[in-house]
């Protein structure tokens, strides 16, 4: 837990290995977040979404490195269902 950090700024993003996005379930907002994440994080970082209603392939569109995006869905309520679902994604060519 000591290695987890929550933030509302871009400070330190160039040093992370994994980012978990959990913004509102709005495709346009999530697409913008992933474009920003791609710019502010290193190219080897995994960009995970916690979406429960959107497809991972939708969130890959327009990114330089769409293969970095994956699903990481936490079940609710977390205190009763301590499970995490890892969602595979289809590899899209860059900029599609």
PDB file of N, CA and C in Angstrom:
ATOM      1  N   UNK A   1       0.826  -1.204   0.000  1.00  0.00           N
ATOM      2  CA  UNK A   1       0.000   0.000   0.000  1.00  0.00           C
ATOM      3  C   UNK A   1       0.862   1.258   0.000  1.00  0.00           C
ATOM      4  N   UNK A   2       2.037   1.178   0.582  1.00  0.00           N
ATOM      5  CA  UNK A   2       2.910   2.351   0.645  1.00  0.00           C
ATOM      6  C   UNK A   2       3.360   2.787  -0.744  1.00  0.00           C
ATOM      7  N   UNK A   3       3.328   1.898  -1.712  1.00  0.00           N
ATOM      8  CA  UNK A   3       3.763   2.234  -3.068  1.00  0.00           C
ATOM      9  C   UNK A   3       2.642   2.805  -3.927  1.00  0.00           C
ATOM     10  N   UNK A   4       1.401   2.792  -3.425  1.00  0.00           N
ATOM     11  CA  UNK A   4       0.279   3.355  -4.165  1.00  0.00           C
ATOM     12  C   UNK A   4       0.183   4.847  -3.903  1.00  0.00           C
ATOM     13  N   UNK A   5      -0.092   5.579  -4.973  1.00  0.00           N
ATOM     14  CA  UNK A   5      -0.239   7.029  -4.838  1.00  0.00           C
ATOM     15  C   UNK A   5      -1.455   7.485  -5.631  1.00  0.00           C
ATOM     16  N   UNK A   6      -2.247   8.335  -5.030  1.00  0.00           N
ATOM     17  CA  UNK A   6      -3.374   8.963  -5.708  1.00  0.00           C
ATOM     18  C   UNK A   6      -3.015  10.414  -5.941  1.00  0.00           C
ATOM     19  N   UNK A   7      -3.425  10.944  -7.079  1.00  0.00           N
ATOM     20  CA  UNK A   7      -3.078  12.321  -7.388  1.00  0.00           C
ATOM     21  C   UNK A   7      -4.109  12.937  -8.321  1.00  0.00           C
ATOM     22  N   UNK A   8      -4.161  14.233  -8.312  1.00  0.00           N
ATOM     23  CA  UNK A   8      -5.012  14.986  -9.239  1.00  0.00           C
ATOM     24  C   UNK A   8      -4.155  15.863 -10.141  1.00  0.00           C
ATOM     25  N   UNK A   9      -2.832  15.633 -10.141  1.00  0.00           N
ATOM     26  CA  UNK A   9      -1.933  16.382 -11.016  1.00  0.00           C
ATOM     27  C   UNK A   9      -1.094  15.390 -11.825  1.00  0.00           C
ATOM     28  N   UNK A  10      -0.303  15.897 -12.751  1.00  0.00           N
ATOM     29  CA  UNK A  10       0.534  15.048 -13.590  1.00  0.00           C
ATOM     30  C   UNK A  10       1.919  14.820 -12.990  1.00  0.00           C
ATOM     31  N   UNK A  11       2.193  15.374 -11.829  1.00  0.00           N
ATOM     32  CA  UNK A  11       3.501  15.218 -11.197  1.00  0.00           C
ATOM     33  C   UNK A  11       3.780  13.745 -10.899  1.00  0.00           C
ATOM     34  N   UNK A  12       4.929  13.247 -11.371  1.00  0.00           N
ATOM     35  CA  UNK A  12       5.349  11.889 -11.090  1.00  0.00           C
ATOM     36  C   UNK A  12       4.870  10.835 -12.068  1.00  0.00           C
ATOM     37  N   UNK A  13       4.007  11.177 -13.015  1.00  0.00           N
ATOM     38  CA  UNK A  13       3.479  10.183 -13.953  1.00  0.00           C
ATOM     39  C   UNK A  13       4.557   9.574 -14.833  1.00  0.00           C
ATOM     40  N   UNK A  14       5.631  10.298 -15.063  1.00  0.00           N
ATOM     41  CA  UNK A  14       6.707   9.772 -15.902  1.00  0.00           C
ATOM     42  C   UNK A  14       7.474   8.649 -15.215  1.00  0.00           C
ATOM     43  N   UNK A  15       7.185   8.378 -13.949  1.00  0.00           N
ATOM     44  CA  UNK A  15       7.893   7.349 -13.191  1.00  0.00           C
ATOM     45  C   UNK A  15       7.057   6.100 -12.908  1.00  0.00           C
ATOM     46  N   UNK A  16       5.784   6.093 -13.254  1.00  0.00           N
ATOM     47  CA  UNK A  16       4.914   4.981 -12.866  1.00  0.00           C
ATOM     48  C   UNK A  16       4.934   3.842 -13.873  1.00  0.00           C
ATOM     49  N   UNK A  17       4.631   2.635 -13.384  1.00  0.00           N
ATOM     50  CA  UNK A  17       4.541   1.443 -14.230  1.00  0.00           C
ATOM     51  C   UNK A  17       3.097   1.108 -14.583  1.00  0.00           C
ATOM     52  N   UNK A  18       2.161   1.543 -13.743  1.00  0.00           N
ATOM     53  CA  UNK A  18       0.744   1.228 -13.922  1.00  0.00           C
ATOM     54  C   UNK A  18      -0.100   2.410 -13.492  1.00  0.00           C
ATOM     55  N   UNK A  19      -1.052   2.800 -14.353  1.00  0.00           N
ATOM     56  CA  UNK A  19      -2.022   3.844 -14.034  1.00  0.00           C
ATOM     57  C   UNK A  19      -3.402   3.220 -14.117  1.00  0.00           C
ATOM     58  N   UNK A  20      -4.222   3.421 -13.097  1.00  0.00           N
ATOM     59  CA  UNK A  20      -5.600   2.922 -13.116  1.00  0.00           C
ATOM     60  C   UNK A  20      -6.530   4.124 -13.199  1.00  0.00           C
ATOM     61  N   UNK A  21      -7.212   4.233 -14.313  1.00  0.00           N
ATOM     62  CA  UNK A  21      -8.159   5.320 -14.552  1.00  0.00           C
ATOM     63  C   UNK A  21      -9.511   4.927 -13.984  1.00  0.00           C
ATOM     64  N   UNK A  22     -10.170   5.855 -13.310  1.00  0.00           N
ATOM     65  CA  UNK A  22     -11.492   5.584 -12.740  1.00  0.00           C
ATOM     66  C   UNK A  22     -12.373   6.824 -12.791  1.00  0.00           C
ATOM     67  N   UNK A  23     -12.421   7.469 -13.961  1.00  0.00           N
ATOM     68  CA  UNK A  23     -13.278   8.644 -14.114  1.00  0.00           C
ATOM     69  C   UNK A  23     -14.691   8.201 -14.506  1.00  0.00           C
ATOM     70  N   UNK A  24     -15.589   9.151 -14.588  1.00  0.00           N
ATOM     71  CA  UNK A  24     -16.993   8.899 -14.913  1.00  0.00           C
ATOM     72  C   UNK A  24     -17.123   8.073 -16.201  1.00  0.00           C
ATOM     73  N   UNK A  25     -18.176   7.274 -16.295  1.00  0.00           N
ATOM     74  CA  UNK A  25     -18.408   6.386 -17.444  1.00  0.00           C
ATOM     75  C   UNK A  25     -18.936   7.170 -18.642  1.00  0.00           C
ATOM     76  N   UNK A  26     -18.084   8.025 -19.187  1.00  0.00           N
ATOM     77  CA  UNK A  26     -18.404   8.828 -20.358  1.00  0.00           C
ATOM     78  C   UNK A  26     -17.273   8.625 -21.360  1.00  0.00           C
ATOM     79  N   UNK A  27     -17.580   8.086 -22.528  1.00  0.00           N
ATOM     80  CA  UNK A  27     -16.556   7.721 -23.496  1.00  0.00           C
ATOM     81  C   UNK A  27     -15.665   8.905 -23.869  1.00  0.00           C
ATOM     82  N   UNK A  28     -16.244  10.052 -24.157  1.00  0.00           N
ATOM     83  CA  UNK A  28     -15.441  11.213 -24.557  1.00  0.00           C
ATOM     84  C   UNK A  28     -14.469  11.641 -23.466  1.00  0.00           C
ATOM     85  N   UNK A  29     -14.932  11.639 -22.228  1.00  0.00           N
ATOM     86  CA  UNK A  29     -14.064  12.016 -21.105  1.00  0.00           C
ATOM     87  C   UNK A  29     -12.945  10.995 -20.947  1.00  0.00           C
ATOM     88  N   UNK A  30     -13.280   9.717 -21.000  1.00  0.00           N
ATOM     89  CA  UNK A  30     -12.252   8.678 -20.861  1.00  0.00           C
ATOM     90  C   UNK A  30     -11.233   8.739 -22.001  1.00  0.00           C
ATOM     91  N   UNK A  31     -11.702   8.986 -23.235  1.00  0.00           N
ATOM     92  CA  UNK A  31     -10.774   9.108 -24.359  1.00  0.00           C
ATOM     93  C   UNK A  31      -9.786  10.248 -24.134  1.00  0.00           C
ATOM     94  N   UNK A  32     -10.268  11.365 -23.633  1.00  0.00           N
ATOM     95  CA  UNK A  32      -9.372  12.489 -23.352  1.00  0.00           C
ATOM     96  C   UNK A  32      -8.384  12.130 -22.247  1.00  0.00           C
ATOM     97  N   UNK A  33      -8.857  11.451 -21.219  1.00  0.00           N
ATOM     98  CA  UNK A  33      -7.972  11.033 -20.126  1.00  0.00           C
ATOM     99  C   UNK A  33      -6.865  10.123 -20.660  1.00  0.00           C
ATOM    100  N   UNK A  34      -7.208   9.172 -21.527  1.00  0.00           N
ATOM    101  CA  UNK A  34      -6.191   8.269 -22.061  1.00  0.00           C
ATOM    102  C   UNK A  34      -5.216   8.986 -22.993  1.00  0.00           C
ATOM    103  N   UNK A  35      -5.692   9.974 -23.750  1.00  0.00           N
ATOM    104  CA  UNK A  35      -4.757  10.774 -24.562  1.00  0.00           C
ATOM    105  C   UNK A  35      -3.784  11.525 -23.655  1.00  0.00           C
ATOM    106  N   UNK A  36      -4.306  12.088 -22.573  1.00  0.00           N
ATOM    107  CA  UNK A  36      -3.452  12.795 -21.612  1.00  0.00           C
ATOM    108  C   UNK A  36      -2.489  11.836 -20.914  1.00  0.00           C
ATOM    109  N   UNK A  37      -2.987  10.676 -20.522  1.00  0.00           N
ATOM    110  CA  UNK A  37      -2.131   9.688 -19.856  1.00  0.00           C
ATOM    111  C   UNK A  37      -0.993   9.253 -20.772  1.00  0.00           C
ATOM    112  N   UNK A  38      -1.294   9.070 -22.042  1.00  0.00           N
ATOM    113  CA  UNK A  38      -0.263   8.659 -22.986  1.00  0.00           C
ATOM    114  C   UNK A  38       0.835   9.722 -23.098  1.00  0.00           C
ATOM    115  N   UNK A  39       0.453  10.981 -23.065  1.00  0.00           N
ATOM    116  CA  UNK A  39       1.431  12.075 -23.152  1.00  0.00           C
ATOM    117  C   UNK A  39       2.271  12.216 -21.892  1.00  0.00           C
ATOM    118  N   UNK A  40       1.684  11.958 -20.732  1.00  0.00           N
ATOM    119  CA  UNK A  40       2.352  12.242 -19.457  1.00  0.00           C
ATOM    120  C   UNK A  40       3.048  11.053 -18.813  1.00  0.00           C
ATOM    121  N   UNK A  41       2.857   9.863 -19.353  1.00  0.00           N
ATOM    122  CA  UNK A  41       3.492   8.683 -18.759  1.00  0.00           C
ATOM    123  C   UNK A  41       4.520   8.106 -19.729  1.00  0.00           C
ATOM    124  N   UNK A  42       5.420   7.299 -19.188  1.00  0.00           N
ATOM    125  CA  UNK A  42       6.436   6.697 -20.068  1.00  0.00           C
ATOM    126  C   UNK A  42       5.793   5.636 -20.953  1.00  0.00           C
ATOM    127  N   UNK A  43       6.457   5.323 -22.042  1.00  0.00           N
ATOM    128  CA  UNK A  43       5.880   4.447 -23.066  1.00  0.00           C
ATOM    129  C   UNK A  43       5.708   3.007 -22.606  1.00  0.00           C
ATOM    130  N   UNK A  44       6.327   2.606 -21.512  1.00  0.00           N
ATOM    131  CA  UNK A  44       6.198   1.234 -21.015  1.00  0.00           C
ATOM    132  C   UNK A  44       5.124   1.086 -19.938  1.00  0.00           C
ATOM    133  N   UNK A  45       4.526   2.170 -19.515  1.00  0.00           N
ATOM    134  CA  UNK A  45       3.505   2.107 -18.464  1.00  0.00           C
ATOM    135  C   UNK A  45       2.214   1.486 -18.994  1.00  0.00           C
ATOM    136  N   UNK A  46       1.592   0.651 -18.180  1.00  0.00           N
ATOM    137  CA  UNK A  46       0.282   0.089 -18.505  1.00  0.00           C
ATOM    138  C   UNK A  46      -0.775   1.099 -18.094  1.00  0.00           C
ATOM    139  N   UNK A  47      -1.696   1.369 -19.005  1.00  0.00           N
ATOM    140  CA  UNK A  47      -2.795   2.299 -18.740  1.00  0.00           C
ATOM    141  C   UNK A  47      -4.061   1.469 -18.609  1.00  0.00           C
ATOM    142  N   UNK A  48      -4.523   1.296 -17.391  1.00  0.00           N
ATOM    143  CA  UNK A  48      -5.674   0.431 -17.125  1.00  0.00           C
ATOM    144  C   UNK A  48      -6.925   1.252 -16.864  1.00  0.00           C
ATOM    145  N   UNK A  49      -8.039   0.731 -17.316  1.00  0.00           N
ATOM    146  CA  UNK A  49      -9.321   1.369 -17.064  1.00  0.00           C
ATOM    147  C   UNK A  49     -10.137   0.519 -16.094  1.00  0.00           C
ATOM    148  N   UNK A  50     -10.891   1.181 -15.266  1.00  0.00           N
ATOM    149  CA  UNK A  50     -11.772   0.502 -14.325  1.00  0.00           C
ATOM    150  C   UNK A  50     -13.222   0.547 -14.824  1.00  0.00           C
ATOM    151  N   UNK A  51     -13.397   0.748 -16.117  1.00  0.00           N
ATOM    152  CA  UNK A  51     -14.747   0.854 -16.666  1.00  0.00           C
ATOM    153  C   UNK A  51     -15.539  -0.429 -16.469  1.00  0.00           C
ATOM    154  N   UNK A  52     -16.830  -0.281 -16.300  1.00  0.00           N
ATOM    155  CA  UNK A  52     -17.711  -1.442 -16.207  1.00  0.00           C
ATOM    156  C   UNK A  52     -18.716  -1.452 -17.349  1.00  0.00           C
ATOM    157  N   UNK A  53     -18.684  -0.419 -18.203  1.00  0.00           N
ATOM    158  CA  UNK A  53     -19.688  -0.353 -19.263  1.00  0.00           C
ATOM    159  C   UNK A  53     -19.119  -0.093 -20.653  1.00  0.00           C
ATOM    160  N   UNK A  54     -17.850   0.277 -20.751  1.00  0.00           N
ATOM    161  CA  UNK A  54     -17.246   0.565 -22.055  1.00  0.00           C
ATOM    162  C   UNK A  54     -16.267  -0.537 -22.440  1.00  0.00           C
ATOM    163  N   UNK A  55     -16.078  -0.714 -23.734  1.00  0.00           N
ATOM    164  CA  UNK A  55     -15.132  -1.706 -24.224  1.00  0.00           C
ATOM    165  C   UNK A  55     -13.715  -1.141 -24.216  1.00  0.00           C
ATOM    166  N   UNK A  56     -12.755  -1.961 -23.855  1.00  0.00           N
ATOM    167  CA  UNK A  56     -11.356  -1.533 -23.847  1.00  0.00           C
ATOM    168  C   UNK A  56     -10.957  -1.038 -25.231  1.00  0.00           C
ATOM    169  N   UNK A  57     -11.398  -1.723 -26.286  1.00  0.00           N
ATOM    170  CA  UNK A  57     -11.008  -1.308 -27.633  1.00  0.00           C
ATOM    171  C   UNK A  57     -11.522   0.083 -27.978  1.00  0.00           C
ATOM    172  N   UNK A  58     -12.625   0.527 -27.364  1.00  0.00           N
ATOM    173  CA  UNK A  58     -13.105   1.887 -27.584  1.00  0.00           C
ATOM    174  C   UNK A  58     -12.114   2.907 -27.022  1.00  0.00           C
ATOM    175  N   UNK A  59     -11.479   2.558 -25.917  1.00  0.00           N
ATOM    176  CA  UNK A  59     -10.566   3.478 -25.235  1.00  0.00           C
ATOM    177  C   UNK A  59      -9.182   3.495 -25.868  1.00  0.00           C
ATOM    178  N   UNK A  60      -8.899   2.558 -26.757  1.00  0.00           N
ATOM    179  CA  UNK A  60      -7.620   2.495 -27.447  1.00  0.00           C
ATOM    180  C   UNK A  60      -7.581   3.404 -28.674  1.00  0.00           C
ATOM    181  N   UNK A  61      -8.717   3.802 -29.170  1.00  0.00           N
ATOM    182  CA  UNK A  61      -8.795   4.534 -30.431  1.00  0.00           C
ATOM    183  C   UNK A  61      -8.054   5.867 -30.359  1.00  0.00           C
ATOM    184  N   UNK A  62      -7.246   6.104 -31.400  1.00  0.00           N
ATOM    185  CA  UNK A  62      -6.534   7.368 -31.524  1.00  0.00           C
ATOM    186  C   UNK A  62      -5.237   7.451 -30.748  1.00  0.00           C
ATOM    187  N   UNK A  63      -4.873   6.406 -30.026  1.00  0.00           N
ATOM    188  CA  UNK A  63      -3.635   6.439 -29.249  1.00  0.00           C
ATOM    189  C   UNK A  63      -2.449   5.986 -30.095  1.00  0.00           C
ATOM    190  N   UNK A  64      -1.274   6.504 -29.784  1.00  0.00           N
ATOM    191  CA  UNK A  64      -0.052   6.094 -30.461  1.00  0.00           C
ATOM    192  C   UNK A  64       0.317   4.650 -30.112  1.00  0.00           C
ATOM    193  N   UNK A  65       0.015   4.244 -28.876  1.00  0.00           N
ATOM    194  CA  UNK A  65       0.357   2.913 -28.380  1.00  0.00           C
ATOM    195  C   UNK A  65      -0.874   2.265 -27.745  1.00  0.00           C
ATOM    196  N   UNK A  66      -1.857   1.863 -28.551  1.00  0.00           N
ATOM    197  CA  UNK A  66      -3.107   1.320 -28.007  1.00  0.00           C
ATOM    198  C   UNK A  66      -2.908   0.036 -27.204  1.00  0.00           C
ATOM    199  N   UNK A  67      -1.823  -0.688 -27.465  1.00  0.00           N
ATOM    200  CA  UNK A  67      -1.565  -1.932 -26.746  1.00  0.00           C
ATOM    201  C   UNK A  67      -1.298  -1.704 -25.267  1.00  0.00           C
ATOM    202  N   UNK A  68      -1.063  -0.464 -24.858  1.00  0.00           N
ATOM    203  CA  UNK A  68      -0.822  -0.148 -23.451  1.00  0.00           C
ATOM    204  C   UNK A  68      -2.103  -0.162 -22.624  1.00  0.00           C
ATOM    205  N   UNK A  69      -3.263  -0.085 -23.271  1.00  0.00           N
ATOM    206  CA  UNK A  69      -4.538   0.026 -22.563  1.00  0.00           C
ATOM    207  C   UNK A  69      -5.099  -1.357 -22.250  1.00  0.00           C
ATOM    208  N   UNK A  70      -5.497  -1.551 -21.007  1.00  0.00           N
ATOM    209  CA  UNK A  70      -6.080  -2.813 -20.560  1.00  0.00           C
ATOM    210  C   UNK A  70      -7.206  -2.525 -19.580  1.00  0.00           C
ATOM    211  N   UNK A  71      -8.018  -3.517 -19.330  1.00  0.00           N
ATOM    212  CA  UNK A  71      -9.085  -3.392 -18.349  1.00  0.00           C
ATOM    213  C   UNK A  71      -8.666  -3.994 -17.017  1.00  0.00           C
ATOM    214  N   UNK A  72      -9.001  -3.311 -15.953  1.00  0.00           N
ATOM    215  CA  UNK A  72      -8.711  -3.781 -14.596  1.00  0.00           C
ATOM    216  C   UNK A  72      -9.927  -3.393 -13.761  1.00  0.00           C
ATOM    217  N   UNK A  73     -10.880  -4.302 -13.665  1.00  0.00           N
ATOM    218  CA  UNK A  73     -12.179  -3.992 -13.076  1.00  0.00           C
ATOM    219  C   UNK A  73     -12.282  -4.547 -11.666  1.00  0.00           C
ATOM    220  N   UNK A  74     -12.575  -3.684 -10.731  1.00  0.00           N
ATOM    221  CA  UNK A  74     -12.750  -4.074  -9.335  1.00  0.00           C
ATOM    222  C   UNK A  74     -14.233  -4.356  -9.088  1.00  0.00           C
ATOM    223  N   UNK A  75     -14.516  -5.462  -8.431  1.00  0.00           N
ATOM    224  CA  UNK A  75     -15.899  -5.833  -8.144  1.00  0.00           C
ATOM    225  C   UNK A  75     -16.421  -5.051  -6.934  1.00  0.00           C
ATOM    226  N   UNK A  76     -17.734  -4.850  -6.896  1.00  0.00           N
ATOM    227  CA  UNK A  76     -18.382  -4.132  -5.798  1.00  0.00           C
ATOM    228  C   UNK A  76     -19.330  -5.050  -5.051  1.00  0.00           C
ATOM    229  N   UNK A  77     -19.478  -4.826  -3.782  1.00  0.00           N
ATOM    230  CA  UNK A  77     -18.672  -3.952  -2.921  1.00  0.00           C
ATOM    231  C   UNK A  77     -17.311  -4.600  -2.637  1.00  0.00           C
ATOM    232  N   UNK A  78     -16.271  -3.799  -2.697  1.00  0.00           N
ATOM    233  CA  UNK A  78     -14.896  -4.296  -2.593  1.00  0.00           C
ATOM    234  C   UNK A  78     -14.661  -5.046  -1.283  1.00  0.00           C
ATOM    235  N   UNK A  79     -15.220  -4.568  -0.192  1.00  0.00           N
ATOM    236  CA  UNK A  79     -14.977  -5.227   1.099  1.00  0.00           C
ATOM    237  C   UNK A  79     -15.623  -6.619   1.180  1.00  0.00           C
ATOM    238  N   UNK A  80     -16.603  -6.905   0.314  1.00  0.00           N
ATOM    239  CA  UNK A  80     -17.240  -8.222   0.306  1.00  0.00           C
ATOM    240  C   UNK A  80     -16.775  -9.097  -0.852  1.00  0.00           C
ATOM    241  N   UNK A  81     -16.291  -8.474  -1.896  1.00  0.00           N
ATOM    242  CA  UNK A  81     -15.845  -9.218  -3.083  1.00  0.00           C
ATOM    243  C   UNK A  81     -14.441  -8.742  -3.479  1.00  0.00           C
ATOM    244  N   UNK A  82     -13.422  -9.203  -2.793  1.00  0.00           N
ATOM    245  CA  UNK A  82     -12.053  -8.736  -3.079  1.00  0.00           C
ATOM    246  C   UNK A  82     -11.486  -9.374  -4.347  1.00  0.00           C
ATOM    247  N   UNK A  83     -12.145  -9.085  -5.474  1.00  0.00           N
ATOM    248  CA  UNK A  83     -11.753  -9.656  -6.757  1.00  0.00           C
ATOM    249  C   UNK A  83     -11.399  -8.553  -7.745  1.00  0.00           C
ATOM    250  N   UNK A  84     -10.452  -8.853  -8.624  1.00  0.00           N
ATOM    251  CA  UNK A  84     -10.098  -7.949  -9.704  1.00  0.00           C
ATOM    252  C   UNK A  84     -10.147  -8.743 -10.997  1.00  0.00           C
ATOM    253  N   UNK A  85     -10.850  -8.222 -11.978  1.00  0.00           N
ATOM    254  CA  UNK A  85     -10.952  -8.860 -13.284  1.00  0.00           C
ATOM    255  C   UNK A  85      -9.988  -8.171 -14.243  1.00  0.00           C
ATOM    256  N   UNK A  86      -9.084  -8.936 -14.840  1.00  0.00           N
ATOM    257  CA  UNK A  86      -8.174  -8.415 -15.853  1.00  0.00           C
ATOM    258  C   UNK A  86      -8.790  -8.680 -17.211  1.00  0.00           C
ATOM    259  N   UNK A  87      -9.018  -7.644 -17.986  1.00  0.00           N
ATOM    260  CA  UNK A  87      -9.708  -7.773 -19.266  1.00  0.00           C
ATOM    261  C   UNK A  87      -8.726  -7.713 -20.423  1.00  0.00           C
ATOM    262  N   UNK A  88      -8.723  -8.736 -21.270  1.00  0.00           N
ATOM    263  CA  UNK A  88      -7.847  -8.693 -22.442  1.00  0.00           C
ATOM    264  C   UNK A  88      -8.364  -7.667 -23.440  1.00  0.00           C
ATOM    265  N   UNK A  89      -7.509  -7.290 -24.329  1.00  0.00           N
ATOM    266  CA  UNK A  89      -7.904  -6.342 -25.358  1.00  0.00           C
ATOM    267  C   UNK A  89      -7.407  -6.840 -26.699  1.00  0.00           C
ATOM    268  N   UNK A  90      -8.058  -6.419 -27.743  1.00  0.00           N
ATOM    269  CA  UNK A  90      -7.594  -6.720 -29.100  1.00  0.00           C
ATOM    270  C   UNK A  90      -6.538  -5.679 -29.456  1.00  0.00           C
ATOM    271  N   UNK A  91      -5.453  -6.117 -30.019  1.00  0.00           N
ATOM    272  CA  UNK A  91      -4.418  -5.178 -30.427  1.00  0.00           C
ATOM    273  C   UNK A  91      -4.878  -4.428 -31.668  1.00  0.00           C
ATOM    274  N   UNK A  92      -4.865  -3.132 -31.569  1.00  0.00           N
ATOM    275  CA  UNK A  92      -5.208  -2.287 -32.696  1.00  0.00           C
ATOM    276  C   UNK A  92      -3.931  -1.683 -33.263  1.00  0.00           C
ATOM    277  N   UNK A  93      -3.876  -1.466 -34.553  1.00  0.00           N
ATOM    278  CA  UNK A  93      -2.720  -0.762 -35.105  1.00  0.00           C
ATOM    279  C   UNK A  93      -2.675   0.654 -34.535  1.00  0.00           C
ATOM    280  N   UNK A  94      -1.486   1.264 -34.405  1.00  0.00           N
ATOM    281  CA  UNK A  94      -1.400   2.647 -33.909  1.00  0.00           C
ATOM    282  C   UNK A  94      -2.288   3.589 -34.704  1.00  0.00           C
ATOM    283  N   UNK A  95      -2.828   4.590 -34.028  1.00  0.00           N
ATOM    284  CA  UNK A  95      -3.641   5.661 -34.633  1.00  0.00           C
ATOM    285  C   UNK A  95      -4.908   5.183 -35.296  1.00  0.00           C
ATOM    286  N   UNK A  96      -5.539   4.155 -34.774  1.00  0.00           N
ATOM    287  CA  UNK A  96      -6.810   3.690 -35.350  1.00  0.00           C
ATOM    288  C   UNK A  96      -7.941   3.951 -34.410  1.00  0.00           C
TER     289      UNK A  96
END
